[in-house]
Amino acid sequence: MANKISILVAKHSRQDGVVSMRNVTIRERLLRLLLGKPHHLMVIAPGKDVQQLQINEVKGDSYERNE
């Protein structure tokens, strides 16, 4: 079974969402020496059945799609 994921980016998250996101900060001293100042990462790991990943920015705080 193949799935399609569409990601909408907004300032505030939805509480009823299926997937959540978390920022990860790299702080360890060794990595700071290698990479410089701390960096923030977001990792998106879709499942093996996902064939397409789409990321869109939402204008304003509206979750409504204008199609």
PDB file of N, CA and C in Angstrom:
ATOM      1  N   MET A   1       0.841  -1.174   0.000  1.00  0.00           N
ATOM      2  CA  MET A   1       0.000   0.000   0.000  1.00  0.00           C
ATOM      3  C   MET A   1       0.886   1.237   0.000  1.00  0.00           C
ATOM      4  N   ALA A   2       0.684   2.146  -0.927  1.00  0.00           N
ATOM      5  CA  ALA A   2       1.475   3.374  -1.038  1.00  0.00           C
ATOM      6  C   ALA A   2       0.718   4.526  -0.392  1.00  0.00           C
ATOM      7  N   ASN A   3       1.455   5.414   0.250  1.00  0.00           N
ATOM      8  CA  ASN A   3       0.876   6.586   0.905  1.00  0.00           C
ATOM      9  C   ASN A   3       1.481   7.851   0.342  1.00  0.00           C
ATOM     10  N   LYS A   4       0.776   8.959   0.507  1.00  0.00           N
ATOM     11  CA  LYS A   4       1.261  10.273   0.111  1.00  0.00           C
ATOM     12  C   LYS A   4       1.159  11.177   1.330  1.00  0.00           C
ATOM     13  N   ILE A   5       2.227  11.909   1.642  1.00  0.00           N
ATOM     14  CA  ILE A   5       2.242  12.812   2.786  1.00  0.00           C
ATOM     15  C   ILE A   5       2.360  14.233   2.276  1.00  0.00           C
ATOM     16  N   SER A   6       1.528  15.122   2.792  1.00  0.00           N
ATOM     17  CA  SER A   6       1.604  16.541   2.479  1.00  0.00           C
ATOM     18  C   SER A   6       1.816  17.285   3.788  1.00  0.00           C
ATOM     19  N   ILE A   7       2.834  18.142   3.864  1.00  0.00           N
ATOM     20  CA  ILE A   7       3.167  18.866   5.084  1.00  0.00           C
ATOM     21  C   ILE A   7       2.899  20.343   4.865  1.00  0.00           C
ATOM     22  N   LEU A   8       2.115  20.945   5.760  1.00  0.00           N
ATOM     23  CA  LEU A   8       1.845  22.373   5.738  1.00  0.00           C
ATOM     24  C   LEU A   8       2.593  23.000   6.906  1.00  0.00           C
ATOM     25  N   VAL A   9       3.320  24.076   6.652  1.00  0.00           N
ATOM     26  CA  VAL A   9       4.118  24.729   7.679  1.00  0.00           C
ATOM     27  C   VAL A   9       3.396  25.988   8.136  1.00  0.00           C
ATOM     28  N   ALA A  10       3.157  26.120   9.450  1.00  0.00           N
ATOM     29  CA  ALA A  10       2.479  27.285  10.021  1.00  0.00           C
ATOM     30  C   ALA A  10       3.174  27.683  11.317  1.00  0.00           C
ATOM     31  N   LYS A  11       2.845  28.878  11.818  1.00  0.00           N
ATOM     32  CA  LYS A  11       3.472  29.354  13.054  1.00  0.00           C
ATOM     33  C   LYS A  11       3.013  28.564  14.269  1.00  0.00           C
ATOM     34  N   HIS A  12       1.755  28.144  14.306  1.00  0.00           N
ATOM     35  CA  HIS A  12       1.205  27.429  15.454  1.00  0.00           C
ATOM     36  C   HIS A  12       0.801  26.021  15.025  1.00  0.00           C
ATOM     37  N   SER A  13       1.078  25.028  15.872  1.00  0.00           N
ATOM     38  CA  SER A  13       0.773  23.644  15.516  1.00  0.00           C
ATOM     39  C   SER A  13      -0.684  23.305  15.825  1.00  0.00           C
ATOM     40  N   ARG A  14      -1.163  22.290  15.138  1.00  0.00           N
ATOM     41  CA  ARG A  14      -2.515  21.792  15.370  1.00  0.00           C
ATOM     42  C   ARG A  14      -2.444  20.713  16.438  1.00  0.00           C
ATOM     43  N   GLN A  15      -3.385  20.729  17.358  1.00  0.00           N
ATOM     44  CA  GLN A  15      -3.399  19.753  18.438  1.00  0.00           C
ATOM     45  C   GLN A  15      -3.956  18.402  17.983  1.00  0.00           C
ATOM     46  N   ASP A  16      -4.737  18.373  16.914  1.00  0.00           N
ATOM     47  CA  ASP A  16      -5.353  17.131  16.456  1.00  0.00           C
ATOM     48  C   ASP A  16      -4.568  16.479  15.322  1.00  0.00           C
ATOM     49  N   GLY A  17      -3.322  16.878  15.119  1.00  0.00           N
ATOM     50  CA  GLY A  17      -2.513  16.350  14.025  1.00  0.00           C
ATOM     51  C   GLY A  17      -2.106  14.900  14.243  1.00  0.00           C
ATOM     52  N   VAL A  18      -1.813  14.205  13.164  1.00  0.00           N
ATOM     53  CA  VAL A  18      -1.405  12.811  13.212  1.00  0.00           C
ATOM     54  C   VAL A  18       0.084  12.692  13.511  1.00  0.00           C
ATOM     55  N   VAL A  19       0.870  13.654  13.027  1.00  0.00           N
ATOM     56  CA  VAL A  19       2.322  13.631  13.182  1.00  0.00           C
ATOM     57  C   VAL A  19       2.741  14.876  13.948  1.00  0.00           C
ATOM     58  N   SER A  20       3.725  14.734  14.810  1.00  0.00           N
ATOM     59  CA  SER A  20       4.238  15.905  15.522  1.00  0.00           C
ATOM     60  C   SER A  20       5.699  16.122  15.156  1.00  0.00           C
ATOM     61  N   MET A  21       6.207  17.311  15.483  1.00  0.00           N
ATOM     62  CA  MET A  21       7.575  17.684  15.140  1.00  0.00           C
ATOM     63  C   MET A  21       8.267  18.166  16.397  1.00  0.00           C
ATOM     64  N   ARG A  22       9.547  17.914  16.474  1.00  0.00           N
ATOM     65  CA  ARG A  22      10.325  18.362  17.624  1.00  0.00           C
ATOM     66  C   ARG A  22      11.662  18.860  17.128  1.00  0.00           C
ATOM     67  N   ASN A  23      12.097  20.037  17.612  1.00  0.00           N
ATOM     68  CA  ASN A  23      13.419  20.556  17.277  1.00  0.00           C
ATOM     69  C   ASN A  23      14.457  19.891  18.166  1.00  0.00           C
ATOM     70  N   VAL A  24      15.574  19.511  17.584  1.00  0.00           N
ATOM     71  CA  VAL A  24      16.655  18.868  18.319  1.00  0.00           C
ATOM     72  C   VAL A  24      17.870  19.779  18.255  1.00  0.00           C
ATOM     73  N   THR A  25      18.458  20.125  19.422  1.00  0.00           N
ATOM     74  CA  THR A  25      19.630  20.990  19.480  1.00  0.00           C
ATOM     75  C   THR A  25      20.885  20.148  19.698  1.00  0.00           C
ATOM     76  N   ILE A  26      21.881  20.382  18.892  1.00  0.00           N
ATOM     77  CA  ILE A  26      23.155  19.678  19.048  1.00  0.00           C
ATOM     78  C   ILE A  26      24.028  20.523  19.957  1.00  0.00           C
ATOM     79  N   ARG A  27      24.308  20.073  21.184  1.00  0.00           N
ATOM     80  CA  ARG A  27      25.025  20.888  22.153  1.00  0.00           C
ATOM     81  C   ARG A  27      26.345  20.291  22.611  1.00  0.00           C
ATOM     82  N   GLU A  28      26.572  19.070  22.339  1.00  0.00           N
ATOM     83  CA  GLU A  28      27.760  18.426  22.870  1.00  0.00           C
ATOM     84  C   GLU A  28      29.017  19.191  22.481  1.00  0.00           C
ATOM     85  N   ARG A  29      29.970  19.267  23.405  1.00  0.00           N
ATOM     86  CA  ARG A  29      31.190  20.057  23.184  1.00  0.00           C
ATOM     87  C   ARG A  29      31.965  19.584  21.956  1.00  0.00           C
ATOM     88  N   LEU A  30      32.056  18.305  21.738  1.00  0.00           N
ATOM     89  CA  LEU A  30      32.788  17.793  20.577  1.00  0.00           C
ATOM     90  C   LEU A  30      32.141  18.259  19.278  1.00  0.00           C
ATOM     91  N   LEU A  31      30.822  18.167  19.189  1.00  0.00           N
ATOM     92  CA  LEU A  31      30.137  18.619  17.980  1.00  0.00           C
ATOM     93  C   LEU A  31      30.214  20.132  17.830  1.00  0.00           C
ATOM     94  N   ARG A  32      30.243  20.859  18.946  1.00  0.00           N
ATOM     95  CA  ARG A  32      30.386  22.315  18.861  1.00  0.00           C
ATOM     96  C   ARG A  32      31.741  22.676  18.281  1.00  0.00           C
ATOM     97  N   LEU A  33      32.778  21.924  18.656  1.00  0.00           N
ATOM     98  CA  LEU A  33      34.100  22.175  18.084  1.00  0.00           C
ATOM     99  C   LEU A  33      34.111  21.887  16.583  1.00  0.00           C
ATOM    100  N   LEU A  34      33.384  20.856  16.173  1.00  0.00           N
ATOM    101  CA  LEU A  34      33.353  20.484  14.756  1.00  0.00           C
ATOM    102  C   LEU A  34      32.427  21.381  13.930  1.00  0.00           C
ATOM    103  N   LEU A  35      31.263  21.737  14.497  1.00  0.00           N
ATOM    104  CA  LEU A  35      30.232  22.433  13.727  1.00  0.00           C
ATOM    105  C   LEU A  35      30.098  23.919  14.048  1.00  0.00           C
ATOM    106  N   GLY A  36      30.745  24.386  15.117  1.00  0.00           N
ATOM    107  CA  GLY A  36      30.582  25.789  15.515  1.00  0.00           C
ATOM    108  C   GLY A  36      29.437  25.928  16.499  1.00  0.00           C
ATOM    109  N   LYS A  37      28.680  27.023  16.388  1.00  0.00           N
ATOM    110  CA  LYS A  37      27.559  27.289  17.294  1.00  0.00           C
ATOM    111  C   LYS A  37      26.509  26.185  17.187  1.00  0.00           C
ATOM    112  N   PRO A  38      25.672  26.031  18.237  1.00  0.00           N
ATOM    113  CA  PRO A  38      24.619  24.998  18.193  1.00  0.00           C
ATOM    114  C   PRO A  38      23.695  25.186  16.992  1.00  0.00           C
ATOM    115  N   HIS A  39      23.269  24.083  16.413  1.00  0.00           N
ATOM    116  CA  HIS A  39      22.373  24.090  15.260  1.00  0.00           C
ATOM    117  C   HIS A  39      21.075  23.406  15.647  1.00  0.00           C
ATOM    118  N   HIS A  40      19.999  23.828  15.037  1.00  0.00           N
ATOM    119  CA  HIS A  40      18.700  23.197  15.252  1.00  0.00           C
ATOM    120  C   HIS A  40      18.386  22.344  14.027  1.00  0.00           C
ATOM    121  N   LEU A  41      17.971  21.105  14.263  1.00  0.00           N
ATOM    122  CA  LEU A  41      17.659  20.170  13.188  1.00  0.00           C
ATOM    123  C   LEU A  41      16.209  19.728  13.278  1.00  0.00           C
ATOM    124  N   MET A  42      15.627  19.447  12.144  1.00  0.00           N
ATOM    125  CA  MET A  42      14.342  18.788  12.102  1.00  0.00           C
ATOM    126  C   MET A  42      14.503  17.611  11.146  1.00  0.00           C
ATOM    127  N   VAL A  43      14.217  16.421  11.628  1.00  0.00           N
ATOM    128  CA  VAL A  43      14.365  15.218  10.817  1.00  0.00           C
ATOM    129  C   VAL A  43      12.977  14.711  10.456  1.00  0.00           C
ATOM    130  N   ILE A  44      12.748  14.515   9.174  1.00  0.00           N
ATOM    131  CA  ILE A  44      11.496  13.945   8.687  1.00  0.00           C
ATOM    132  C   ILE A  44      11.827  12.556   8.161  1.00  0.00           C
ATOM    133  N   ALA A  45      11.221  11.545   8.774  1.00  0.00           N
ATOM    134  CA  ALA A  45      11.500  10.166   8.387  1.00  0.00           C
ATOM    135  C   ALA A  45      10.196   9.494   7.955  1.00  0.00           C
ATOM    136  N   PRO A  46       9.842   9.591   6.677  1.00  0.00           N
ATOM    137  CA  PRO A  46       8.617   8.940   6.214  1.00  0.00           C
ATOM    138  C   PRO A  46       8.779   7.421   6.203  1.00  0.00           C
ATOM    139  N   GLY A  47       7.666   6.727   6.321  1.00  0.00           N
ATOM    140  CA  GLY A  47       7.681   5.271   6.300  1.00  0.00           C
ATOM    141  C   GLY A  47       8.029   4.722   4.926  1.00  0.00           C
ATOM    142  N   LYS A  48       8.241   3.424   4.863  1.00  0.00           N
ATOM    143  CA  LYS A  48       8.675   2.803   3.606  1.00  0.00           C
ATOM    144  C   LYS A  48       7.591   2.816   2.529  1.00  0.00           C
ATOM    145  N   ASP A  49       6.327   3.004   2.926  1.00  0.00           N
ATOM    146  CA  ASP A  49       5.233   3.023   1.958  1.00  0.00           C
ATOM    147  C   ASP A  49       4.974   4.404   1.364  1.00  0.00           C
ATOM    148  N   VAL A  50       5.649   5.441   1.844  1.00  0.00           N
ATOM    149  CA  VAL A  50       5.440   6.803   1.350  1.00  0.00           C
ATOM    150  C   VAL A  50       6.172   6.977   0.032  1.00  0.00           C
ATOM    151  N   GLN A  51       5.435   7.384  -1.007  1.00  0.00           N
ATOM    152  CA  GLN A  51       6.033   7.585  -2.321  1.00  0.00           C
ATOM    153  C   GLN A  51       6.328   9.047  -2.599  1.00  0.00           C
ATOM    154  N   GLN A  52       5.625   9.964  -1.919  1.00  0.00           N
ATOM    155  CA  GLN A  52       5.790  11.386  -2.206  1.00  0.00           C
ATOM    156  C   GLN A  52       5.709  12.170  -0.907  1.00  0.00           C
ATOM    157  N   LEU A  53       6.580  13.178  -0.765  1.00  0.00           N
ATOM    158  CA  LEU A  53       6.588  14.063   0.395  1.00  0.00           C
ATOM    159  C   LEU A  53       6.536  15.491  -0.109  1.00  0.00           C
ATOM    160  N   GLN A  54       5.546  16.255   0.328  1.00  0.00           N
ATOM    161  CA  GLN A  54       5.345  17.622  -0.148  1.00  0.00           C
ATOM    162  C   GLN A  54       5.314  18.550   1.052  1.00  0.00           C
ATOM    163  N   ILE A  55       6.105  19.644   1.022  1.00  0.00           N
ATOM    164  CA  ILE A  55       6.156  20.618   2.106  1.00  0.00           C
ATOM    165  C   ILE A  55       5.719  21.968   1.560  1.00  0.00           C
ATOM    166  N   ASN A  56       4.694  22.565   2.183  1.00  0.00           N
ATOM    167  CA  ASN A  56       4.161  23.860   1.768  1.00  0.00           C
ATOM    168  C   ASN A  56       4.121  24.799   2.958  1.00  0.00           C
ATOM    169  N   GLU A  57       4.387  26.082   2.726  1.00  0.00           N
ATOM    170  CA  GLU A  57       4.281  27.097   3.773  1.00  0.00           C
ATOM    171  C   GLU A  57       2.876  27.665   3.768  1.00  0.00           C
ATOM    172  N   VAL A  58       2.260  27.738   4.948  1.00  0.00           N
ATOM    173  CA  VAL A  58       0.918  28.283   5.084  1.00  0.00           C
ATOM    174  C   VAL A  58       1.036  29.781   5.301  1.00  0.00           C
ATOM    175  N   LYS A  59       0.346  30.572   4.500  1.00  0.00           N
ATOM    176  CA  LYS A  59       0.346  32.029   4.649  1.00  0.00           C
ATOM    177  C   LYS A  59      -0.539  32.400   5.833  1.00  0.00           C
ATOM    178  N   GLY A  60      -0.020  33.142   6.803  1.00  0.00           N
ATOM    179  CA  GLY A  60      -0.782  33.523   7.994  1.00  0.00           C
ATOM    180  C   GLY A  60      -0.966  32.331   8.913  1.00  0.00           C
ATOM    181  N   ASP A  61      -2.014  32.371   9.744  1.00  0.00           N
ATOM    182  CA  ASP A  61      -2.279  31.285  10.685  1.00  0.00           C
ATOM    183  C   ASP A  61      -3.415  30.386  10.226  1.00  0.00           C
ATOM    184  N   SER A  62      -3.832  30.491   8.991  1.00  0.00           N
ATOM    185  CA  SER A  62      -4.946  29.705   8.478  1.00  0.00           C
ATOM    186  C   SER A  62      -4.477  28.320   8.061  1.00  0.00           C
ATOM    187  N   TYR A  63      -5.274  27.304   8.403  1.00  0.00           N
ATOM    188  CA  TYR A  63      -4.982  25.943   7.971  1.00  0.00           C
ATOM    189  C   TYR A  63      -5.809  25.562   6.751  1.00  0.00           C
ATOM    190  N   GLU A  64      -6.664  26.460   6.306  1.00  0.00           N
ATOM    191  CA  GLU A  64      -7.488  26.192   5.140  1.00  0.00           C
ATOM    192  C   GLU A  64      -6.633  26.232   3.887  1.00  0.00           C
ATOM    193  N   ARG A  65      -6.824  25.281   2.997  1.00  0.00           N
ATOM    194  CA  ARG A  65      -6.091  25.243   1.730  1.00  0.00           C
ATOM    195  C   ARG A  65      -6.915  25.950   0.675  1.00  0.00           C
ATOM    196  N   ASN A  66      -6.293  26.863  -0.026  1.00  0.00           N
ATOM    197  CA  ASN A  66      -6.962  27.586  -1.110  1.00  0.00           C
ATOM    198  C   ASN A  66      -6.639  26.899  -2.422  1.00  0.00           C
ATOM    199  N   GLU A  67      -7.533  26.037  -2.869  1.00  0.00           N
ATOM    200  CA  GLU A  67      -7.296  25.296  -4.111  1.00  0.00           C
ATOM    201  C   GLU A  67      -8.343  25.656  -5.128  1.00  0.00           C
TER     202      GLU A  67
END
